C-alpha atoms as a PDB file:
ATOM      1  CA  MET A   1       7.090  -5.836  32.914  1.00  0.00           C
ATOM      2  CA  ARG A   2       3.821  -7.232  32.536  1.00  0.00           C
ATOM      3  CA  LEU A   3       3.121 -10.152  30.328  1.00  0.00           C
ATOM      4  CA  TRP A   4      -0.386 -10.294  28.821  1.00  0.00           C
ATOM      5  CA  LEU A   5      -1.164 -13.852  27.595  1.00  0.00           C
ATOM      6  CA  ILE A   6      -3.726 -14.740  25.013  1.00  0.00           C
ATOM      7  CA  ARG A   7      -4.703 -17.891  23.446  1.00  0.00           C
ATOM      8  CA  HIS A   8      -5.743 -17.834  19.741  1.00  0.00           C
ATOM      9  CA  GLY A   9      -9.534 -18.191  19.373  1.00  0.00           C
ATOM     10  CA  GLU A  10     -11.522 -21.484  18.742  1.00  0.00           C
ATOM     11  CA  THR A  11     -10.693 -23.212  15.447  1.00  0.00           C
ATOM     12  CA  GLU A  12     -12.151 -25.740  13.209  1.00  0.00           C
ATOM     13  CA  ALA A  13      -9.396 -28.222  14.321  1.00  0.00           C
ATOM     14  CA  ASN A  14     -10.389 -27.471  18.017  1.00  0.00           C
ATOM     15  CA  VAL A  15     -13.982 -28.229  17.383  1.00  0.00           C
ATOM     16  CA  ALA A  16     -13.024 -31.588  15.566  1.00  0.00           C
ATOM     17  CA  GLY A  17     -10.698 -32.483  18.377  1.00  0.00           C
ATOM     18  CA  LEU A  18      -7.615 -32.817  15.982  1.00  0.00           C
ATOM     19  CA  TYR A  19      -3.734 -32.376  16.948  1.00  0.00           C
ATOM     20  CA  SER A  20      -3.380 -28.937  14.709  1.00  0.00           C
ATOM     21  CA  GLY A  21       0.250 -28.206  15.731  1.00  0.00           C
ATOM     22  CA  HIS A  22       1.590 -26.225  12.794  1.00  0.00           C
ATOM     23  CA  SER A  23      -1.136 -26.785  10.227  1.00  0.00           C
ATOM     24  CA  PRO A  24      -3.247 -23.920   8.835  1.00  0.00           C
ATOM     25  CA  THR A  25      -6.768 -23.935  10.531  1.00  0.00           C
ATOM     26  CA  ALA A  26      -9.161 -21.024  10.486  1.00  0.00           C
ATOM     27  CA  LEU A  27     -10.860 -19.585  13.453  1.00  0.00           C
ATOM     28  CA  THR A  28     -14.574 -20.292  13.746  1.00  0.00           C
ATOM     29  CA  ALA A  29     -17.279 -17.643  14.023  1.00  0.00           C
ATOM     30  CA  LYS A  30     -16.959 -18.324  17.793  1.00  0.00           C
ATOM     31  CA  GLY A  31     -13.227 -17.975  17.745  1.00  0.00           C
ATOM     32  CA  ILE A  32     -13.665 -14.621  16.030  1.00  0.00           C
ATOM     33  CA  ARG A  33     -16.120 -13.349  18.529  1.00  0.00           C
ATOM     34  CA  GLN A  34     -13.757 -14.622  21.386  1.00  0.00           C
ATOM     35  CA  ALA A  35     -11.039 -12.425  19.727  1.00  0.00           C
ATOM     36  CA  GLN A  36     -13.182  -9.287  19.300  1.00  0.00           C
ATOM     37  CA  THR A  37     -14.521  -9.555  22.951  1.00  0.00           C
ATOM     38  CA  LEU A  38     -10.884  -9.641  24.136  1.00  0.00           C
ATOM     39  CA  HIS A  39     -10.325  -6.405  22.052  1.00  0.00           C
ATOM     40  CA  HIS A  40     -12.982  -4.754  24.110  1.00  0.00           C
ATOM     41  CA  LEU A  41     -11.733  -6.190  27.517  1.00  0.00           C
ATOM     42  CA  LEU A  42      -8.280  -5.066  26.884  1.00  0.00           C
ATOM     43  CA  ARG A  43      -8.906  -1.668  24.747  1.00  0.00           C
ATOM     44  CA  GLU A  44      -7.389   0.525  27.698  1.00  0.00           C
ATOM     45  CA  VAL A  45      -4.202  -1.557  27.991  1.00  0.00           C
ATOM     46  CA  PRO A  46      -1.394   0.740  26.945  1.00  0.00           C
ATOM     47  CA  PHE A  47       0.598  -2.395  24.937  1.00  0.00           C
ATOM     48  CA  ASP A  48       4.150  -1.306  23.821  1.00  0.00           C
ATOM     49  CA  ARG A  49       5.179  -4.541  22.331  1.00  0.00           C
ATOM     50  CA  VAL A  50       3.186  -7.553  20.764  1.00  0.00           C
ATOM     51  CA  MET A  51       4.789 -10.817  20.176  1.00  0.00           C
ATOM     52  CA  CYS A  52       2.955 -13.643  18.156  1.00  0.00           C
ATOM     53  CA  SER A  53       3.151 -17.064  17.028  1.00  0.00           C
ATOM     54  CA  GLU A  54       3.704 -17.283  13.214  1.00  0.00           C
ATOM     55  CA  LEU A  55       0.582 -19.434  12.808  1.00  0.00           C
ATOM     56  CA  GLU A  56      -2.244 -18.295  11.115  1.00  0.00           C
ATOM     57  CA  ARG A  57      -4.927 -18.739  13.828  1.00  0.00           C
ATOM     58  CA  ALA A  58      -2.803 -16.998  16.397  1.00  0.00           C
ATOM     59  CA  GLY A  59      -1.983 -13.849  14.020  1.00  0.00           C
ATOM     60  CA  ARG A  60      -5.627 -13.698  13.272  1.00  0.00           C
ATOM     61  CA  THR A  61      -6.316 -13.381  16.708  1.00  0.00           C
ATOM     62  CA  ALA A  62      -3.777 -10.674  17.225  1.00  0.00           C
ATOM     63  CA  GLU A  63      -5.081  -8.656  14.482  1.00  0.00           C
ATOM     64  CA  LEU A  64      -8.595  -8.592  15.932  1.00  0.00           C
ATOM     65  CA  VAL A  65      -7.477  -7.956  19.533  1.00  0.00           C
ATOM     66  CA  LEU A  66      -5.439  -5.230  18.554  1.00  0.00           C
ATOM     67  CA  GLU A  67      -7.908  -3.435  15.971  1.00  0.00           C
ATOM     68  CA  GLY A  68      -7.398   0.283  16.442  1.00  0.00           C
ATOM     69  CA  HIS A  69      -3.947  -0.063  17.947  1.00  0.00           C
ATOM     70  CA  GLU A  70      -1.169   1.650  16.021  1.00  0.00           C
ATOM     71  CA  ILE A  71       1.468  -0.999  17.053  1.00  0.00           C
ATOM     72  CA  ALA A  72       3.202  -3.622  15.008  1.00  0.00           C
ATOM     73  CA  THR A  73       3.065  -7.243  15.835  1.00  0.00           C
ATOM     74  CA  ASP A  74       6.432  -9.206  15.681  1.00  0.00           C
ATOM     75  CA  THR A  75       6.197 -12.820  14.789  1.00  0.00           C
ATOM     76  CA  THR A  76       8.596 -15.566  15.864  1.00  0.00           C
ATOM     77  CA  PRO A  77       8.643 -19.097  15.597  1.00  0.00           C
ATOM     78  CA  LEU A  78       9.460 -19.648  19.241  1.00  0.00           C
ATOM     79  CA  LEU A  79       5.965 -19.091  19.898  1.00  0.00           C
ATOM     80  CA  ASN A  80       4.538 -21.651  17.570  1.00  0.00           C
ATOM     81  CA  GLU A  81       2.697 -24.561  18.993  1.00  0.00           C
ATOM     82  CA  MET A  82       4.215 -27.969  19.288  1.00  0.00           C
ATOM     83  CA  PHE A  83       4.802 -29.573  15.672  1.00  0.00           C
ATOM     84  CA  PHE A  84       2.987 -33.176  15.522  1.00  0.00           C
ATOM     85  CA  GLY A  85       4.610 -34.335  12.535  1.00  0.00           C
ATOM     86  CA  ASP A  86       2.631 -36.949  10.764  1.00  0.00           C
ATOM     87  CA  TRP A  87       0.030 -36.617  13.348  1.00  0.00           C
ATOM     88  CA  GLU A  88      -0.964 -33.195  12.332  1.00  0.00           C
ATOM     89  CA  MET A  89      -4.858 -32.700  11.671  1.00  0.00           C
ATOM     90  CA  ARG A  90      -5.626 -36.261  12.824  1.00  0.00           C
ATOM     91  CA  HIS A  91      -7.866 -37.442  15.811  1.00  0.00           C
ATOM     92  CA  HIS A  92      -6.473 -39.668  18.455  1.00  0.00           C
ATOM     93  CA  ARG A  93      -8.851 -42.322  17.524  1.00  0.00           C
ATOM     94  CA  ASP A  94      -7.150 -42.292  13.784  1.00  0.00           C
ATOM     95  CA  LEU A  95      -3.548 -42.910  15.432  1.00  0.00           C
ATOM     96  CA  VAL A  96      -4.712 -45.556  17.730  1.00  0.00           C
ATOM     97  CA  GLU A  97      -5.293 -47.346  14.307  1.00  0.00           C
ATOM     98  CA  GLU A  98      -2.720 -45.589  11.832  1.00  0.00           C
ATOM     99  CA  ASP A  99       0.280 -45.291  14.210  1.00  0.00           C
ATOM    100  CA  PRO A 100      -0.186 -47.854  17.235  1.00  0.00           C
ATOM    101  CA  GLU A 101       3.035 -48.293  18.349  1.00  0.00           C
ATOM    102  CA  SER A 102       4.127 -44.615  18.308  1.00  0.00           C
ATOM    103  CA  TYR A 103       0.939 -43.210  19.655  1.00  0.00           C
ATOM    104  CA  ALA A 104       0.913 -45.942  22.468  1.00  0.00           C
ATOM    105  CA  ALA A 105       4.620 -44.831  23.561  1.00  0.00           C
ATOM    106  CA  TRP A 106       3.337 -41.194  23.565  1.00  0.00           C
ATOM    107  CA  CYS A 107       0.579 -41.873  25.781  1.00  0.00           C
ATOM    108  CA  ALA A 108       2.651 -43.903  28.174  1.00  0.00           C
ATOM    109  CA  ASP A 109       5.652 -41.269  28.159  1.00  0.00           C
ATOM    110  CA  TRP A 110       4.795 -38.021  26.470  1.00  0.00           C
ATOM    111  CA  GLN A 111       7.654 -35.955  27.743  1.00  0.00           C
ATOM    112  CA  ASN A 112      10.140 -38.264  26.004  1.00  0.00           C
ATOM    113  CA  ALA A 113       8.245 -40.175  23.154  1.00  0.00           C
ATOM    114  CA  ILE A 114       8.138 -38.000  19.809  1.00  0.00           C
ATOM    115  CA  PRO A 115       5.253 -37.748  17.407  1.00  0.00           C
ATOM    116  CA  THR A 116       6.234 -39.496  14.180  1.00  0.00           C
ATOM    117  CA  ASN A 117       8.273 -36.915  12.174  1.00  0.00           C
ATOM    118  CA  GLY A 118       7.482 -34.468  14.824  1.00  0.00           C
ATOM    119  CA  GLU A 119       9.013 -32.393  17.595  1.00  0.00           C
ATOM    120  CA  GLY A 120       9.400 -33.884  20.993  1.00  0.00           C
ATOM    121  CA  PHE A 121       8.331 -32.136  24.144  1.00  0.00           C
ATOM    122  CA  GLN A 122      11.957 -31.771  25.210  1.00  0.00           C
ATOM    123  CA  ALA A 123      12.704 -30.012  21.943  1.00  0.00           C
ATOM    124  CA  PHE A 124       9.547 -28.185  22.373  1.00  0.00           C
ATOM    125  CA  SER A 125      10.312 -27.014  25.931  1.00  0.00           C
ATOM    126  CA  ALA A 126      13.671 -25.803  24.894  1.00  0.00           C
ATOM    127  CA  ARG A 127      12.326 -23.872  22.226  1.00  0.00           C
ATOM    128  CA  VAL A 128       9.972 -21.900  24.841  1.00  0.00           C
ATOM    129  CA  GLN A 129      12.729 -21.426  27.057  1.00  0.00           C
ATOM    130  CA  ARG A 130      14.685 -19.665  24.437  1.00  0.00           C
ATOM    131  CA  PHE A 131      11.888 -17.146  24.047  1.00  0.00           C
ATOM    132  CA  ILE A 132      11.678 -16.729  27.971  1.00  0.00           C
ATOM    133  CA  ASP A 133      15.241 -16.207  27.785  1.00  0.00           C
ATOM    134  CA  GLN A 134      14.937 -13.323  25.414  1.00  0.00           C
ATOM    135  CA  LEU A 135      12.323 -11.474  27.746  1.00  0.00           C
ATOM    136  CA  ALA A 136      15.469 -10.056  29.577  1.00  0.00           C
ATOM    137  CA  ASP A 137      16.193  -8.136  26.324  1.00  0.00           C
ATOM    138  CA  LEU A 138      12.649  -6.503  26.196  1.00  0.00           C
ATOM    139  CA  HIS A 139      12.926  -5.300  29.974  1.00  0.00           C
ATOM    140  CA  THR A 140      12.242  -1.674  28.810  1.00  0.00           C
ATOM    141  CA  HIS A 141       8.418  -2.640  27.723  1.00  0.00           C
ATOM    142  CA  GLN A 142       5.937  -2.470  30.410  1.00  0.00           C
ATOM    143  CA  ASN A 143       3.066  -4.023  28.762  1.00  0.00           C
ATOM    144  CA  LEU A 144       4.032  -7.027  26.400  1.00  0.00           C
ATOM    145  CA  LEU A 145       1.185  -8.816  24.632  1.00  0.00           C
ATOM    146  CA  ILE A 146       1.939 -12.567  23.712  1.00  0.00           C
ATOM    147  CA  VAL A 147      -0.388 -14.317  21.297  1.00  0.00           C
ATOM    148  CA  SER A 148       0.199 -17.874  21.103  1.00  0.00           C
ATOM    149  CA  HIS A 149      -1.381 -21.299  21.932  1.00  0.00           C
ATOM    150  CA  GLN A 150      -2.267 -23.787  24.724  1.00  0.00           C
ATOM    151  CA  GLY A 151       0.933 -25.797  25.107  1.00  0.00           C
ATOM    152  CA  VAL A 152       3.226 -22.688  24.634  1.00  0.00           C
ATOM    153  CA  LEU A 153       1.189 -20.472  27.122  1.00  0.00           C
ATOM    154  CA  SER A 154       0.790 -23.328  29.809  1.00  0.00           C
ATOM    155  CA  LEU A 155       4.329 -24.241  29.531  1.00  0.00           C
ATOM    156  CA  MET A 156       5.692 -20.650  29.676  1.00  0.00           C
ATOM    157  CA  ILE A 157       3.537 -19.995  33.066  1.00  0.00           C
ATOM    158  CA  ALA A 158       4.895 -22.991  34.617  1.00  0.00           C
ATOM    159  CA  LYS A 159       8.710 -22.184  33.691  1.00  0.00           C
ATOM    160  CA  LEU A 160       8.091 -18.634  34.775  1.00  0.00           C
ATOM    161  CA  LEU A 161       6.899 -19.815  38.126  1.00  0.00           C
ATOM    162  CA  GLN A 162       9.965 -22.099  38.365  1.00  0.00           C
ATOM    163  CA  MET A 163       8.048 -25.169  38.314  1.00  0.00           C
ATOM    164  CA  PRO A 164       8.926 -28.342  36.399  1.00  0.00           C
ATOM    165  CA  ALA A 165       7.933 -28.338  32.787  1.00  0.00           C
ATOM    166  CA  ALA A 166       5.361 -31.164  33.465  1.00  0.00           C
ATOM    167  CA  SER A 167       3.686 -28.812  35.596  1.00  0.00           C
ATOM    168  CA  LEU A 168       2.016 -27.093  32.216  1.00  0.00           C
ATOM    169  CA  TRP A 169      -0.977 -29.334  32.771  1.00  0.00           C
ATOM    170  CA  HIS A 170      -1.947 -27.139  36.019  1.00  0.00           C
ATOM    171  CA  PHE A 171      -2.278 -23.912  33.975  1.00  0.00           C
ATOM    172  CA  ARG A 172      -5.033 -24.315  31.409  1.00  0.00           C
ATOM    173  CA  VAL A 173      -5.298 -21.425  29.224  1.00  0.00           C
ATOM    174  CA  ASP A 174      -8.735 -20.845  27.814  1.00  0.00           C
ATOM    175  CA  GLN A 175      -9.916 -19.360  24.486  1.00  0.00           C
ATOM    176  CA  GLY A 176     -11.640 -15.990  24.879  1.00  0.00           C
ATOM    177  CA  THR A 177      -9.668 -15.121  28.144  1.00  0.00           C
ATOM    178  CA  TRP A 178      -6.762 -12.953  29.070  1.00  0.00           C
ATOM    179  CA  SER A 179      -4.043 -13.906  31.662  1.00  0.00           C
ATOM    180  CA  ALA A 180      -1.153 -11.731  33.119  1.00  0.00           C
ATOM    181  CA  ILE A 181       2.157 -12.278  34.635  1.00  0.00           C
ATOM    182  CA  ASP A 182       4.325  -9.482  36.318  1.00  0.00           C
ATOM    183  CA  ILE A 183       8.057  -9.750  35.974  1.00  0.00           C
ATOM    184  CA  HIS A 184      10.060  -7.788  38.469  1.00  0.00           C
ATOM    185  CA  ASP A 185      13.899  -8.174  39.200  1.00  0.00           C
ATOM    186  CA  GLY A 186      13.512 -11.647  37.499  1.00  0.00           C
ATOM    187  CA  PHE A 187      10.718 -12.941  39.652  1.00  0.00           C
ATOM    188  CA  ALA A 188       7.634 -13.836  38.024  1.00  0.00           C
ATOM    189  CA  THR A 189       4.016 -13.349  39.671  1.00  0.00           C
ATOM    190  CA  LEU A 190       1.097 -14.851  38.212  1.00  0.00           C
ATOM    191  CA  ARG A 191      -1.657 -11.924  38.696  1.00  0.00           C
ATOM    192  CA  VAL A 192      -4.454 -13.277  36.462  1.00  0.00           C
ATOM    193  CA  LEU A 193      -5.345 -16.467  34.777  1.00  0.00           C
ATOM    194  CA  ASN A 194      -8.330 -16.961  32.418  1.00  0.00           C
ATOM    195  CA  SER A 195     -10.175 -13.597  33.028  1.00  0.00           C
ATOM    196  CA  ARG A 196     -13.204 -12.602  31.187  1.00  0.00           C
ATOM    197  CA  ALA A 197     -13.269  -9.244  32.815  1.00  0.00           C
ATOM    198  CA  ALA A 198     -12.505  -5.827  31.279  1.00  0.00           C
ATOM    199  CA  TRP A 199      -9.031  -4.534  32.472  1.00  0.00           C
ATOM    200  CA  GLN A 200      -9.194  -1.292  34.353  1.00  0.00           C
ATOM    201  CA  GLN A 201      -6.296   1.139  35.384  1.00  0.00           C
ATOM    202  CA  GLU A 202      -5.023   0.234  38.562  1.00  0.00           C
ATOM    203  CA  ASP A 203      -4.511   2.583  41.493  1.00  0.00           C
END
């Protein structure tokens, strides 16, 4: 099985530097172009299953990437970005003033502190692990496209490579690129990270 990983295109919240989490935020014109470019780069890939975050920005990206493909997209909350609670659509400069104690705790210990009324990293990590655990049930698919978010995809790569969850920071997933992980007999190999090249059938 090959996992094809795509992060949603640029959004208005990305440009503004906001914690968007589960909040609806539209793709920018650049974000739309990024998804359309990926459509051309991956047009020859024989996707046989598509799994996508429930969030608008991921769904729109998947729609643009898959234009012309006759394949249904399955959405799952397991692929949603981390939920930031009261910090949603706020800039870190706002949080320093509006929620200084909780934000300072987060900055000091992001793995264990929890955004006010949000989802902590431990719960988020467990949720991503539940998705990974379900991959065993999808082993009959050869090319599985996953459209999700920076946090989810970075954490998924770290976990699949059997690295600690905190290692997600080693795997930045850029917008407008595709990455690929091969899974064989339960062993994962990171084959491609952040490619902007057109995929061609391998010999």
